[in-house]
Amino acid sequence: MLVISVALIFLIISVYFYNRYVPVLGVPCMKNLELTSPVKIVDVRDYNYVEEPLPVAVNIPVAYLQRNYHQFKDEKVIVLASSHLEKNISVRYLKKKGIEVIGYRVIGNNCKCPKLKMV
């Protein structure tokens, strides 16, 4: 019984860390934004901490995605985040709801992608 309890606790902790810290496969870091196709840019950074706002982005912090994800049904989405944690949580949530996430960009962090610019 003790072994099963320990295994269950380990499994719960593993799932928690996986959802937060393991990157989502198949969602690349976006180097440039080419807005030739209809793409929504979702800025999941907190309203108070947005240093470089993008005028074409829809600002919905991660905490409000559950209420507002329906705005992006049947659209391709690019996620802007301030940390990899925000990016992982929001990309997983949007993909779970059936929204196609085609890329991400972590702003204000040492992401290996060049600076975000509109092309």
PDB file of N, CA and C in Angstrom:
ATOM      1  N   MET A   1       0.820  -1.199   0.000  1.00  0.00           N
ATOM      2  CA  MET A   1       0.000   0.000   0.000  1.00  0.00           C
ATOM      3  C   MET A   1       0.861   1.260   0.000  1.00  0.00           C
ATOM      4  N   LEU A   2       1.944   1.220   0.774  1.00  0.00           N
ATOM      5  CA  LEU A   2       2.847   2.360   0.839  1.00  0.00           C
ATOM      6  C   LEU A   2       3.521   2.599  -0.510  1.00  0.00           C
ATOM      7  N   VAL A   3       3.879   1.525  -1.199  1.00  0.00           N
ATOM      8  CA  VAL A   3       4.525   1.640  -2.506  1.00  0.00           C
ATOM      9  C   VAL A   3       3.575   2.281  -3.512  1.00  0.00           C
ATOM     10  N   ILE A   4       2.323   1.895  -3.472  1.00  0.00           N
ATOM     11  CA  ILE A   4       1.333   2.467  -4.390  1.00  0.00           C
ATOM     12  C   ILE A   4       1.135   3.950  -4.100  1.00  0.00           C
ATOM     13  N   SER A   5       1.089   4.334  -2.837  1.00  0.00           N
ATOM     14  CA  SER A   5       0.926   5.744  -2.463  1.00  0.00           C
ATOM     15  C   SER A   5       2.109   6.577  -2.932  1.00  0.00           C
ATOM     16  N   VAL A   6       3.310   6.070  -2.726  1.00  0.00           N
ATOM     17  CA  VAL A   6       4.517   6.784  -3.155  1.00  0.00           C
ATOM     18  C   VAL A   6       4.546   6.898  -4.674  1.00  0.00           C
ATOM     19  N   ALA A   7       4.185   5.832  -5.365  1.00  0.00           N
ATOM     20  CA  ALA A   7       4.158   5.857  -6.829  1.00  0.00           C
ATOM     21  C   ALA A   7       3.124   6.851  -7.340  1.00  0.00           C
ATOM     22  N   LEU A   8       1.979   6.919  -6.698  1.00  0.00           N
ATOM     23  CA  LEU A   8       0.933   7.860  -7.094  1.00  0.00           C
ATOM     24  C   LEU A   8       1.368   9.304  -6.869  1.00  0.00           C
ATOM     25  N   ILE A   9       1.992   9.578  -5.744  1.00  0.00           N
ATOM     26  CA  ILE A   9       2.497  10.930  -5.469  1.00  0.00           C
ATOM     27  C   ILE A   9       3.571  11.301  -6.480  1.00  0.00           C
ATOM     28  N   PHE A  10       4.468  10.372  -6.779  1.00  0.00           N
ATOM     29  CA  PHE A  10       5.510  10.623  -7.773  1.00  0.00           C
ATOM     30  C   PHE A  10       4.904  10.907  -9.146  1.00  0.00           C
ATOM     31  N   LEU A  11       3.872  10.178  -9.512  1.00  0.00           N
ATOM     32  CA  LEU A  11       3.202  10.381 -10.796  1.00  0.00           C
ATOM     33  C   LEU A  11       2.550  11.761 -10.864  1.00  0.00           C
ATOM     34  N   ILE A  12       1.886  12.180  -9.809  1.00  0.00           N
ATOM     35  CA  ILE A  12       1.231  13.493  -9.781  1.00  0.00           C
ATOM     36  C   ILE A  12       2.265  14.609  -9.894  1.00  0.00           C
ATOM     37  N   ILE A  13       3.364  14.486  -9.167  1.00  0.00           N
ATOM     38  CA  ILE A  13       4.421  15.501  -9.232  1.00  0.00           C
ATOM     39  C   ILE A  13       5.053  15.519 -10.615  1.00  0.00           C
ATOM     40  N   SER A  14       5.244  14.354 -11.218  1.00  0.00           N
ATOM     41  CA  SER A  14       5.828  14.287 -12.564  1.00  0.00           C
ATOM     42  C   SER A  14       4.937  14.964 -13.595  1.00  0.00           C
ATOM     43  N   VAL A  15       3.641  14.737 -13.537  1.00  0.00           N
ATOM     44  CA  VAL A  15       2.706  15.370 -14.471  1.00  0.00           C
ATOM     45  C   VAL A  15       2.722  16.881 -14.286  1.00  0.00           C
ATOM     46  N   TYR A  16       2.758  17.346 -13.051  1.00  0.00           N
ATOM     47  CA  TYR A  16       2.813  18.776 -12.753  1.00  0.00           C
ATOM     48  C   TYR A  16       4.040  19.413 -13.403  1.00  0.00           C
ATOM     49  N   PHE A  17       5.218  18.826 -13.189  1.00  0.00           N
ATOM     50  CA  PHE A  17       6.436  19.379 -13.762  1.00  0.00           C
ATOM     51  C   PHE A  17       6.458  19.240 -15.278  1.00  0.00           C
ATOM     52  N   TYR A  18       5.930  18.166 -15.808  1.00  0.00           N
ATOM     53  CA  TYR A  18       5.881  17.983 -17.258  1.00  0.00           C
ATOM     54  C   TYR A  18       5.062  19.092 -17.912  1.00  0.00           C
ATOM     55  N   ASN A  19       3.876  19.373 -17.386  1.00  0.00           N
ATOM     56  CA  ASN A  19       3.011  20.398 -17.975  1.00  0.00           C
ATOM     57  C   ASN A  19       3.630  21.784 -17.914  1.00  0.00           C
ATOM     58  N   ARG A  20       4.427  22.056 -16.922  1.00  0.00           N
ATOM     59  CA  ARG A  20       4.996  23.381 -16.762  1.00  0.00           C
ATOM     60  C   ARG A  20       6.340  23.560 -17.454  1.00  0.00           C
ATOM     61  N   TYR A  21       7.194  22.573 -17.434  1.00  0.00           N
ATOM     62  CA  TYR A  21       8.583  22.791 -17.820  1.00  0.00           C
ATOM     63  C   TYR A  21       9.045  22.065 -19.078  1.00  0.00           C
ATOM     64  N   VAL A  22       8.326  21.091 -19.556  1.00  0.00           N
ATOM     65  CA  VAL A  22       8.730  20.389 -20.777  1.00  0.00           C
ATOM     66  C   VAL A  22       8.091  21.089 -21.972  1.00  0.00           C
ATOM     67  N   PRO A  23       8.902  21.509 -22.956  1.00  0.00           N
ATOM     68  CA  PRO A  23       8.346  22.210 -24.121  1.00  0.00           C
ATOM     69  C   PRO A  23       7.379  21.334 -24.914  1.00  0.00           C
ATOM     70  N   VAL A  24       6.435  21.986 -25.569  1.00  0.00           N
ATOM     71  CA  VAL A  24       5.459  21.286 -26.397  1.00  0.00           C
ATOM     72  C   VAL A  24       6.124  20.965 -27.731  1.00  0.00           C
ATOM     73  N   LEU A  25       6.094  19.707 -28.123  1.00  0.00           N
ATOM     74  CA  LEU A  25       6.718  19.298 -29.376  1.00  0.00           C
ATOM     75  C   LEU A  25       5.898  19.787 -30.566  1.00  0.00           C
ATOM     76  N   GLY A  26       6.583  20.183 -31.622  1.00  0.00           N
ATOM     77  CA  GLY A  26       5.909  20.588 -32.848  1.00  0.00           C
ATOM     78  C   GLY A  26       5.498  22.043 -32.894  1.00  0.00           C
ATOM     79  N   VAL A  27       5.844  22.822 -31.878  1.00  0.00           N
ATOM     80  CA  VAL A  27       5.528  24.251 -31.869  1.00  0.00           C
ATOM     81  C   VAL A  27       6.858  24.999 -31.862  1.00  0.00           C
ATOM     82  N   PRO A  28       7.262  25.561 -33.019  1.00  0.00           N
ATOM     83  CA  PRO A  28       8.582  26.181 -33.115  1.00  0.00           C
ATOM     84  C   PRO A  28       8.608  27.618 -32.593  1.00  0.00           C
ATOM     85  N   CYS A  29       9.802  28.059 -32.266  1.00  0.00           N
ATOM     86  CA  CYS A  29      10.024  29.466 -31.926  1.00  0.00           C
ATOM     87  C   CYS A  29       9.973  30.258 -33.232  1.00  0.00           C
ATOM     88  N   MET A  30       9.215  31.347 -33.248  1.00  0.00           N
ATOM     89  CA  MET A  30       9.046  32.137 -34.470  1.00  0.00           C
ATOM     90  C   MET A  30      10.135  33.196 -34.558  1.00  0.00           C
ATOM     91  N   LYS A  31      10.877  33.177 -35.659  1.00  0.00           N
ATOM     92  CA  LYS A  31      11.932  34.160 -35.855  1.00  0.00           C
ATOM     93  C   LYS A  31      11.362  35.467 -36.394  1.00  0.00           C
ATOM     94  N   ASN A  32      10.531  35.388 -37.392  1.00  0.00           N
ATOM     95  CA  ASN A  32       9.872  36.561 -37.972  1.00  0.00           C
ATOM     96  C   ASN A  32       8.392  36.263 -38.109  1.00  0.00           C
ATOM     97  N   LEU A  33       7.612  37.302 -38.062  1.00  0.00           N
ATOM     98  CA  LEU A  33       6.174  37.132 -38.268  1.00  0.00           C
ATOM     99  C   LEU A  33       5.837  37.570 -39.680  1.00  0.00           C
ATOM    100  N   GLU A  34       5.423  36.636 -40.490  1.00  0.00           N
ATOM    101  CA  GLU A  34       4.958  36.957 -41.829  1.00  0.00           C
ATOM    102  C   GLU A  34       3.451  36.806 -41.817  1.00  0.00           C
ATOM    103  N   LEU A  35       2.766  37.925 -41.813  1.00  0.00           N
ATOM    104  CA  LEU A  35       1.316  37.903 -41.666  1.00  0.00           C
ATOM    105  C   LEU A  35       0.620  37.830 -43.016  1.00  0.00           C
ATOM    106  N   THR A  36       1.050  36.888 -43.858  1.00  0.00           N
ATOM    107  CA  THR A  36       0.401  36.713 -45.154  1.00  0.00           C
ATOM    108  C   THR A  36      -0.841  35.846 -45.014  1.00  0.00           C
ATOM    109  N   SER A  37      -0.828  34.947 -44.077  1.00  0.00           N
ATOM    110  CA  SER A  37      -2.007  34.117 -43.831  1.00  0.00           C
ATOM    111  C   SER A  37      -2.716  34.646 -42.582  1.00  0.00           C
ATOM    112  N   PRO A  38      -4.001  34.342 -42.438  1.00  0.00           N
ATOM    113  CA  PRO A  38      -4.721  34.837 -41.257  1.00  0.00           C
ATOM    114  C   PRO A  38      -4.216  34.167 -39.975  1.00  0.00           C
ATOM    115  N   VAL A  39      -3.495  34.925 -39.191  1.00  0.00           N
ATOM    116  CA  VAL A  39      -2.910  34.423 -37.952  1.00  0.00           C
ATOM    117  C   VAL A  39      -3.254  35.393 -36.831  1.00  0.00           C
ATOM    118  N   LYS A  40      -3.682  34.856 -35.689  1.00  0.00           N
ATOM    119  CA  LYS A  40      -3.911  35.676 -34.495  1.00  0.00           C
ATOM    120  C   LYS A  40      -2.672  35.599 -33.629  1.00  0.00           C
ATOM    121  N   ILE A  41      -2.233  36.738 -33.132  1.00  0.00           N
ATOM    122  CA  ILE A  41      -1.120  36.780 -32.196  1.00  0.00           C
ATOM    123  C   ILE A  41      -1.713  36.966 -30.808  1.00  0.00           C
ATOM    124  N   VAL A  42      -1.455  36.016 -29.924  1.00  0.00           N
ATOM    125  CA  VAL A  42      -1.998  36.047 -28.571  1.00  0.00           C
ATOM    126  C   VAL A  42      -0.858  36.352 -27.606  1.00  0.00           C
ATOM    127  N   ASP A  43      -0.944  37.493 -26.946  1.00  0.00           N
ATOM    128  CA  ASP A  43       0.049  37.914 -25.966  1.00  0.00           C
ATOM    129  C   ASP A  43      -0.441  37.465 -24.593  1.00  0.00           C
ATOM    130  N   VAL A  44       0.205  36.447 -24.019  1.00  0.00           N
ATOM    131  CA  VAL A  44      -0.252  35.893 -22.745  1.00  0.00           C
ATOM    132  C   VAL A  44       0.486  36.494 -21.552  1.00  0.00           C
ATOM    133  N   ARG A  45       1.240  37.566 -21.786  1.00  0.00           N
ATOM    134  CA  ARG A  45       1.915  38.240 -20.672  1.00  0.00           C
ATOM    135  C   ARG A  45       0.893  39.017 -19.852  1.00  0.00           C
ATOM    136  N   ASP A  46       1.208  39.253 -18.591  1.00  0.00           N
ATOM    137  CA  ASP A  46       0.323  39.993 -17.701  1.00  0.00           C
ATOM    138  C   ASP A  46       0.202  41.438 -18.182  1.00  0.00           C
ATOM    139  N   TYR A  47      -0.977  42.018 -18.013  1.00  0.00           N
ATOM    140  CA  TYR A  47      -1.222  43.391 -18.455  1.00  0.00           C
ATOM    141  C   TYR A  47      -0.210  44.373 -17.869  1.00  0.00           C
ATOM    142  N   ASN A  48       0.133  44.214 -16.616  1.00  0.00           N
ATOM    143  CA  ASN A  48       1.012  45.165 -15.930  1.00  0.00           C
ATOM    144  C   ASN A  48       2.474  45.022 -16.316  1.00  0.00           C
ATOM    145  N   TYR A  49       2.852  43.904 -16.897  1.00  0.00           N
ATOM    146  CA  TYR A  49       4.258  43.655 -17.166  1.00  0.00           C
ATOM    147  C   TYR A  49       4.608  43.617 -18.643  1.00  0.00           C
ATOM    148  N   VAL A  50       3.742  44.109 -19.483  1.00  0.00           N
ATOM    149  CA  VAL A  50       4.025  44.115 -20.916  1.00  0.00           C
ATOM    150  C   VAL A  50       4.983  45.260 -21.207  1.00  0.00           C
ATOM    151  N   GLU A  51       6.239  44.915 -21.554  1.00  0.00           N
ATOM    152  CA  GLU A  51       7.252  45.931 -21.821  1.00  0.00           C
ATOM    153  C   GLU A  51       7.182  46.430 -23.260  1.00  0.00           C
ATOM    154  N   GLU A  52       7.020  45.519 -24.180  1.00  0.00           N
ATOM    155  CA  GLU A  52       6.987  45.863 -25.599  1.00  0.00           C
ATOM    156  C   GLU A  52       5.660  45.392 -26.182  1.00  0.00           C
ATOM    157  N   PRO A  53       4.584  46.183 -26.040  1.00  0.00           N
ATOM    158  CA  PRO A  53       3.299  45.715 -26.567  1.00  0.00           C
ATOM    159  C   PRO A  53       3.302  45.680 -28.094  1.00  0.00           C
ATOM    160  N   LEU A  54       2.667  44.699 -28.653  1.00  0.00           N
ATOM    161  CA  LEU A  54       2.502  44.592 -30.096  1.00  0.00           C
ATOM    162  C   LEU A  54       1.100  45.068 -30.435  1.00  0.00           C
ATOM    163  N   PRO A  55       0.967  46.062 -31.304  1.00  0.00           N
ATOM    164  CA  PRO A  55      -0.364  46.608 -31.579  1.00  0.00           C
ATOM    165  C   PRO A  55      -1.323  45.609 -32.218  1.00  0.00           C
ATOM    166  N   VAL A  56      -0.811  44.621 -32.936  1.00  0.00           N
ATOM    167  CA  VAL A  56      -1.692  43.660 -33.606  1.00  0.00           C
ATOM    168  C   VAL A  56      -2.017  42.454 -32.732  1.00  0.00           C
ATOM    169  N   ALA A  57      -1.414  42.377 -31.548  1.00  0.00           N
ATOM    170  CA  ALA A  57      -1.620  41.224 -30.669  1.00  0.00           C
ATOM    171  C   ALA A  57      -2.839  41.415 -29.784  1.00  0.00           C
ATOM    172  N   VAL A  58      -3.484  40.298 -29.468  1.00  0.00           N
ATOM    173  CA  VAL A  58      -4.590  40.280 -28.514  1.00  0.00           C
ATOM    174  C   VAL A  58      -3.988  39.913 -27.160  1.00  0.00           C
ATOM    175  N   ASN A  59      -4.076  40.828 -26.185  1.00  0.00           N
ATOM    176  CA  ASN A  59      -3.469  40.586 -24.880  1.00  0.00           C
ATOM    177  C   ASN A  59      -4.458  39.883 -23.960  1.00  0.00           C
ATOM    178  N   ILE A  60      -4.205  38.603 -23.711  1.00  0.00           N
ATOM    179  CA  ILE A  60      -5.006  37.805 -22.782  1.00  0.00           C
ATOM    180  C   ILE A  60      -4.020  37.045 -21.896  1.00  0.00           C
ATOM    181  N   PRO A  61      -3.853  37.464 -20.642  1.00  0.00           N
ATOM    182  CA  PRO A  61      -2.929  36.748 -19.756  1.00  0.00           C
ATOM    183  C   PRO A  61      -3.326  35.282 -19.582  1.00  0.00           C
ATOM    184  N   VAL A  62      -2.356  34.480 -19.202  1.00  0.00           N
ATOM    185  CA  VAL A  62      -2.569  33.037 -19.059  1.00  0.00           C
ATOM    186  C   VAL A  62      -3.756  32.745 -18.139  1.00  0.00           C
ATOM    187  N   ALA A  63      -3.907  33.532 -17.090  1.00  0.00           N
ATOM    188  CA  ALA A  63      -4.989  33.288 -16.133  1.00  0.00           C
ATOM    189  C   ALA A  63      -6.369  33.466 -16.753  1.00  0.00           C
ATOM    190  N   TYR A  64      -6.468  34.229 -17.848  1.00  0.00           N
ATOM    191  CA  TYR A  64      -7.760  34.497 -18.477  1.00  0.00           C
ATOM    192  C   TYR A  64      -8.002  33.670 -19.737  1.00  0.00           C
ATOM    193  N   LEU A  65      -7.085  32.794 -20.099  1.00  0.00           N
ATOM    194  CA  LEU A  65      -7.263  31.979 -21.306  1.00  0.00           C
ATOM    195  C   LEU A  65      -8.487  31.078 -21.213  1.00  0.00           C
ATOM    196  N   GLN A  66      -8.766  30.576 -20.041  1.00  0.00           N
ATOM    197  CA  GLN A  66      -9.898  29.662 -19.882  1.00  0.00           C
ATOM    198  C   GLN A  66     -11.211  30.345 -20.245  1.00  0.00           C
ATOM    199  N   ARG A  67     -11.323  31.629 -19.955  1.00  0.00           N
ATOM    200  CA  ARG A  67     -12.549  32.366 -20.276  1.00  0.00           C
ATOM    201  C   ARG A  67     -12.609  32.819 -21.725  1.00  0.00           C
ATOM    202  N   ASN A  68     -11.444  33.054 -22.341  1.00  0.00           N
ATOM    203  CA  ASN A  68     -11.418  33.735 -23.630  1.00  0.00           C
ATOM    204  C   ASN A  68     -10.854  32.926 -24.786  1.00  0.00           C
ATOM    205  N   TYR A  69     -10.611  31.639 -24.600  1.00  0.00           N
ATOM    206  CA  TYR A  69     -10.008  30.861 -25.685  1.00  0.00           C
ATOM    207  C   TYR A  69     -10.930  30.735 -26.889  1.00  0.00           C
ATOM    208  N   HIS A  70     -12.229  30.868 -26.688  1.00  0.00           N
ATOM    209  CA  HIS A  70     -13.190  30.710 -27.787  1.00  0.00           C
ATOM    210  C   HIS A  70     -13.010  31.769 -28.873  1.00  0.00           C
ATOM    211  N   GLN A  71     -12.306  32.860 -28.579  1.00  0.00           N
ATOM    212  CA  GLN A  71     -12.039  33.896 -29.584  1.00  0.00           C
ATOM    213  C   GLN A  71     -11.154  33.373 -30.712  1.00  0.00           C
ATOM    214  N   PHE A  72     -10.441  32.305 -30.473  1.00  0.00           N
ATOM    215  CA  PHE A  72      -9.452  31.816 -31.428  1.00  0.00           C
ATOM    216  C   PHE A  72      -9.855  30.516 -32.102  1.00  0.00           C
ATOM    217  N   LYS A  73     -11.103  30.115 -31.986  1.00  0.00           N
ATOM    218  CA  LYS A  73     -11.553  28.891 -32.645  1.00  0.00           C
ATOM    219  C   LYS A  73     -11.372  29.026 -34.156  1.00  0.00           C
ATOM    220  N   ASP A  74     -10.928  27.962 -34.796  1.00  0.00           N
ATOM    221  CA  ASP A  74     -10.742  27.887 -36.252  1.00  0.00           C
ATOM    222  C   ASP A  74      -9.738  28.913 -36.764  1.00  0.00           C
ATOM    223  N   GLU A  75      -8.770  29.296 -35.955  1.00  0.00           N
ATOM    224  CA  GLU A  75      -7.731  30.231 -36.387  1.00  0.00           C
ATOM    225  C   GLU A  75      -6.366  29.676 -36.003  1.00  0.00           C
ATOM    226  N   LYS A  76      -5.359  30.117 -36.748  1.00  0.00           N
ATOM    227  CA  LYS A  76      -3.985  29.787 -36.392  1.00  0.00           C
ATOM    228  C   LYS A  76      -3.503  30.840 -35.398  1.00  0.00           C
ATOM    229  N   VAL A  77      -2.721  30.401 -34.413  1.00  0.00           N
ATOM    230  CA  VAL A  77      -2.327  31.273 -33.312  1.00  0.00           C
ATOM    231  C   VAL A  77      -0.819  31.228 -33.114  1.00  0.00           C
ATOM    232  N   ILE A  78      -0.245  32.398 -32.813  1.00  0.00           N
ATOM    233  CA  ILE A  78       1.138  32.510 -32.363  1.00  0.00           C
ATOM    234  C   ILE A  78       1.085  33.067 -30.949  1.00  0.00           C
ATOM    235  N   VAL A  79       1.800  32.444 -30.023  1.00  0.00           N
ATOM    236  CA  VAL A  79       1.769  32.837 -28.615  1.00  0.00           C
ATOM    237  C   VAL A  79       3.001  33.671 -28.288  1.00  0.00           C
ATOM    238  N   LEU A  80       2.783  34.835 -27.667  1.00  0.00           N
ATOM    239  CA  LEU A  80       3.863  35.658 -27.127  1.00  0.00           C
ATOM    240  C   LEU A  80       3.823  35.517 -25.614  1.00  0.00           C
ATOM    241  N   ALA A  81       4.965  35.226 -25.008  1.00  0.00           N
ATOM    242  CA  ALA A  81       5.004  35.033 -23.555  1.00  0.00           C
ATOM    243  C   ALA A  81       6.252  35.689 -22.983  1.00  0.00           C
ATOM    244  N   SER A  82       6.241  35.908 -21.674  1.00  0.00           N
ATOM    245  CA  SER A  82       7.407  36.508 -21.023  1.00  0.00           C
ATOM    246  C   SER A  82       8.326  35.448 -20.421  1.00  0.00           C
ATOM    247  N   SER A  83       7.867  34.209 -20.349  1.00  0.00           N
ATOM    248  CA  SER A  83       8.706  33.132 -19.820  1.00  0.00           C
ATOM    249  C   SER A  83       8.322  31.818 -20.500  1.00  0.00           C
ATOM    250  N   HIS A  84       9.202  30.873 -20.385  1.00  0.00           N
ATOM    251  CA  HIS A  84       8.911  29.557 -20.962  1.00  0.00           C
ATOM    252  C   HIS A  84       7.780  28.865 -20.209  1.00  0.00           C
ATOM    253  N   LEU A  85       7.634  29.156 -18.943  1.00  0.00           N
ATOM    254  CA  LEU A  85       6.538  28.597 -18.157  1.00  0.00           C
ATOM    255  C   LEU A  85       5.195  29.069 -18.698  1.00  0.00           C
ATOM    256  N   GLU A  86       5.051  30.381 -18.934  1.00  0.00           N
ATOM    257  CA  GLU A  86       3.812  30.920 -19.517  1.00  0.00           C
ATOM    258  C   GLU A  86       3.551  30.312 -20.885  1.00  0.00           C
ATOM    259  N   LYS A  87       4.601  30.205 -21.665  1.00  0.00           N
ATOM    260  CA  LYS A  87       4.471  29.652 -23.017  1.00  0.00           C
ATOM    261  C   LYS A  87       4.000  28.208 -22.974  1.00  0.00           C
ATOM    262  N   ASN A  88       4.614  27.384 -22.137  1.00  0.00           N
ATOM    263  CA  ASN A  88       4.244  25.967 -22.063  1.00  0.00           C
ATOM    264  C   ASN A  88       2.806  25.780 -21.611  1.00  0.00           C
ATOM    265  N   ILE A  89       2.405  26.509 -20.578  1.00  0.00           N
ATOM    266  CA  ILE A  89       1.044  26.366 -20.056  1.00  0.00           C
ATOM    267  C   ILE A  89       0.018  26.818 -21.087  1.00  0.00           C
ATOM    268  N   SER A  90       0.257  27.971 -21.719  1.00  0.00           N
ATOM    269  CA  SER A  90      -0.736  28.496 -22.667  1.00  0.00           C
ATOM    270  C   SER A  90      -0.803  27.664 -23.944  1.00  0.00           C
ATOM    271  N   VAL A  91       0.333  27.218 -24.460  1.00  0.00           N
ATOM    272  CA  VAL A  91       0.321  26.397 -25.674  1.00  0.00           C
ATOM    273  C   VAL A  91      -0.386  25.068 -25.406  1.00  0.00           C
ATOM    274  N   ARG A  92      -0.098  24.430 -24.288  1.00  0.00           N
ATOM    275  CA  ARG A  92      -0.778  23.168 -23.957  1.00  0.00           C
ATOM    276  C   ARG A  92      -2.281  23.368 -23.816  1.00  0.00           C
ATOM    277  N   TYR A  93      -2.685  24.456 -23.163  1.00  0.00           N
ATOM    278  CA  TYR A  93      -4.114  24.694 -22.958  1.00  0.00           C
ATOM    279  C   TYR A  93      -4.818  24.947 -24.288  1.00  0.00           C
ATOM    280  N   LEU A  94      -4.225  25.793 -25.134  1.00  0.00           N
ATOM    281  CA  LEU A  94      -4.860  26.101 -26.420  1.00  0.00           C
ATOM    282  C   LEU A  94      -4.941  24.861 -27.306  1.00  0.00           C
ATOM    283  N   LYS A  95      -3.880  24.059 -27.330  1.00  0.00           N
ATOM    284  CA  LYS A  95      -3.910  22.834 -28.132  1.00  0.00           C
ATOM    285  C   LYS A  95      -4.940  21.848 -27.589  1.00  0.00           C
ATOM    286  N   LYS A  96      -5.091  21.782 -26.275  1.00  0.00           N
ATOM    287  CA  LYS A  96      -6.090  20.893 -25.673  1.00  0.00           C
ATOM    288  C   LYS A  96      -7.502  21.307 -26.073  1.00  0.00           C
ATOM    289  N   LYS A  97      -7.709  22.597 -26.301  1.00  0.00           N
ATOM    290  CA  LYS A  97      -9.021  23.105 -26.698  1.00  0.00           C
ATOM    291  C   LYS A  97      -9.223  23.061 -28.213  1.00  0.00           C
ATOM    292  N   GLY A  98      -8.251  22.510 -28.958  1.00  0.00           N
ATOM    293  CA  GLY A  98      -8.412  22.333 -30.394  1.00  0.00           C
ATOM    294  C   GLY A  98      -7.968  23.508 -31.238  1.00  0.00           C
ATOM    295  N   ILE A  99      -7.223  24.422 -30.663  1.00  0.00           N
ATOM    296  CA  ILE A  99      -6.744  25.594 -31.396  1.00  0.00           C
ATOM    297  C   ILE A  99      -5.361  25.280 -31.952  1.00  0.00           C
ATOM    298  N   GLU A 100      -5.142  25.631 -33.219  1.00  0.00           N
ATOM    299  CA  GLU A 100      -3.870  25.333 -33.878  1.00  0.00           C
ATOM    300  C   GLU A 100      -2.837  26.400 -33.522  1.00  0.00           C
ATOM    301  N   VAL A 101      -1.845  26.023 -32.735  1.00  0.00           N
ATOM    302  CA  VAL A 101      -0.756  26.923 -32.349  1.00  0.00           C
ATOM    303  C   VAL A 101       0.401  26.638 -33.290  1.00  0.00           C
ATOM    304  N   ILE A 102       0.766  27.638 -34.115  1.00  0.00           N
ATOM    305  CA  ILE A 102       1.803  27.413 -35.120  1.00  0.00           C
ATOM    306  C   ILE A 102       3.175  27.877 -34.664  1.00  0.00           C
ATOM    307  N   GLY A 103       3.250  28.600 -33.545  1.00  0.00           N
ATOM    308  CA  GLY A 103       4.543  29.045 -33.058  1.00  0.00           C
ATOM    309  C   GLY A 103       4.425  29.844 -31.778  1.00  0.00           C
ATOM    310  N   TYR A 104       5.594  30.205 -31.257  1.00  0.00           N
ATOM    311  CA  TYR A 104       5.644  31.002 -30.040  1.00  0.00           C
ATOM    312  C   TYR A 104       6.838  31.935 -30.090  1.00  0.00           C
ATOM    313  N   ARG A 105       6.843  32.894 -29.195  1.00  0.00           N
ATOM    314  CA  ARG A 105       7.986  33.786 -29.019  1.00  0.00           C
ATOM    315  C   ARG A 105       8.042  34.166 -27.552  1.00  0.00           C
ATOM    316  N   VAL A 106       9.187  33.951 -26.913  1.00  0.00           N
ATOM    317  CA  VAL A 106       9.387  34.363 -25.525  1.00  0.00           C
ATOM    318  C   VAL A 106      10.086  35.712 -25.557  1.00  0.00           C
ATOM    319  N   ILE A 107       9.411  36.736 -25.039  1.00  0.00           N
ATOM    320  CA  ILE A 107       9.937  38.099 -25.064  1.00  0.00           C
ATOM    321  C   ILE A 107      10.488  38.432 -23.686  1.00  0.00           C
ATOM    322  N   GLY A 108      11.628  39.127 -23.653  1.00  0.00           N
ATOM    323  CA  GLY A 108      12.217  39.519 -22.386  1.00  0.00           C
ATOM    324  C   GLY A 108      13.001  38.404 -21.731  1.00  0.00           C
ATOM    325  N   ASN A 109      13.312  37.380 -22.479  1.00  0.00           N
ATOM    326  CA  ASN A 109      14.056  36.248 -21.963  1.00  0.00           C
ATOM    327  C   ASN A 109      15.116  35.903 -22.993  1.00  0.00           C
ATOM    328  N   ASN A 110      16.106  35.154 -22.616  1.00  0.00           N
ATOM    329  CA  ASN A 110      17.174  34.838 -23.560  1.00  0.00           C
ATOM    330  C   ASN A 110      16.774  33.696 -24.489  1.00  0.00           C
ATOM    331  N   CYS A 111      15.770  33.966 -25.304  1.00  0.00           N
ATOM    332  CA  CYS A 111      15.348  33.021 -26.331  1.00  0.00           C
ATOM    333  C   CYS A 111      16.357  33.110 -27.473  1.00  0.00           C
ATOM    334  N   LYS A 112      16.607  32.040 -28.145  1.00  0.00           N
ATOM    335  CA  LYS A 112      17.604  32.037 -29.201  1.00  0.00           C
ATOM    336  C   LYS A 112      17.093  32.620 -30.513  1.00  0.00           C
ATOM    337  N   CYS A 113      15.831  32.976 -30.557  1.00  0.00           N
ATOM    338  CA  CYS A 113      15.275  33.579 -31.761  1.00  0.00           C
ATOM    339  C   CYS A 113      15.668  35.048 -31.833  1.00  0.00           C
ATOM    340  N   PRO A 114      15.852  35.592 -33.039  1.00  0.00           N
ATOM    341  CA  PRO A 114      16.127  37.026 -33.159  1.00  0.00           C
ATOM    342  C   PRO A 114      14.934  37.862 -32.707  1.00  0.00           C
ATOM    343  N   LYS A 115      15.148  39.158 -32.607  1.00  0.00           N
ATOM    344  CA  LYS A 115      14.109  40.085 -32.145  1.00  0.00           C
ATOM    345  C   LYS A 115      12.879  39.987 -33.036  1.00  0.00           C
ATOM    346  N   LEU A 116      11.713  40.053 -32.436  1.00  0.00           N
ATOM    347  CA  LEU A 116      10.443  39.948 -33.146  1.00  0.00           C
ATOM    348  C   LEU A 116      10.202  41.216 -33.944  1.00  0.00           C
ATOM    349  N   LYS A 117       9.923  41.071 -35.221  1.00  0.00           N
ATOM    350  CA  LYS A 117       9.620  42.236 -36.049  1.00  0.00           C
ATOM    351  C   LYS A 117       8.565  41.856 -37.061  1.00  0.00           C
ATOM    352  N   MET A 118       7.806  42.822 -37.475  1.00  0.00           N
ATOM    353  CA  MET A 118       6.752  42.591 -38.451  1.00  0.00           C
ATOM    354  C   MET A 118       7.362  42.652 -39.849  1.00  0.00           C
ATOM    355  N   VAL A 119       7.070  41.654 -40.673  1.00  0.00           N
ATOM    356  CA  VAL A 119       7.612  41.604 -42.038  1.00  0.00           C
ATOM    357  C   VAL A 119       6.499  41.892 -43.008  1.00  0.00           C
TER     358      VAL A 119
END
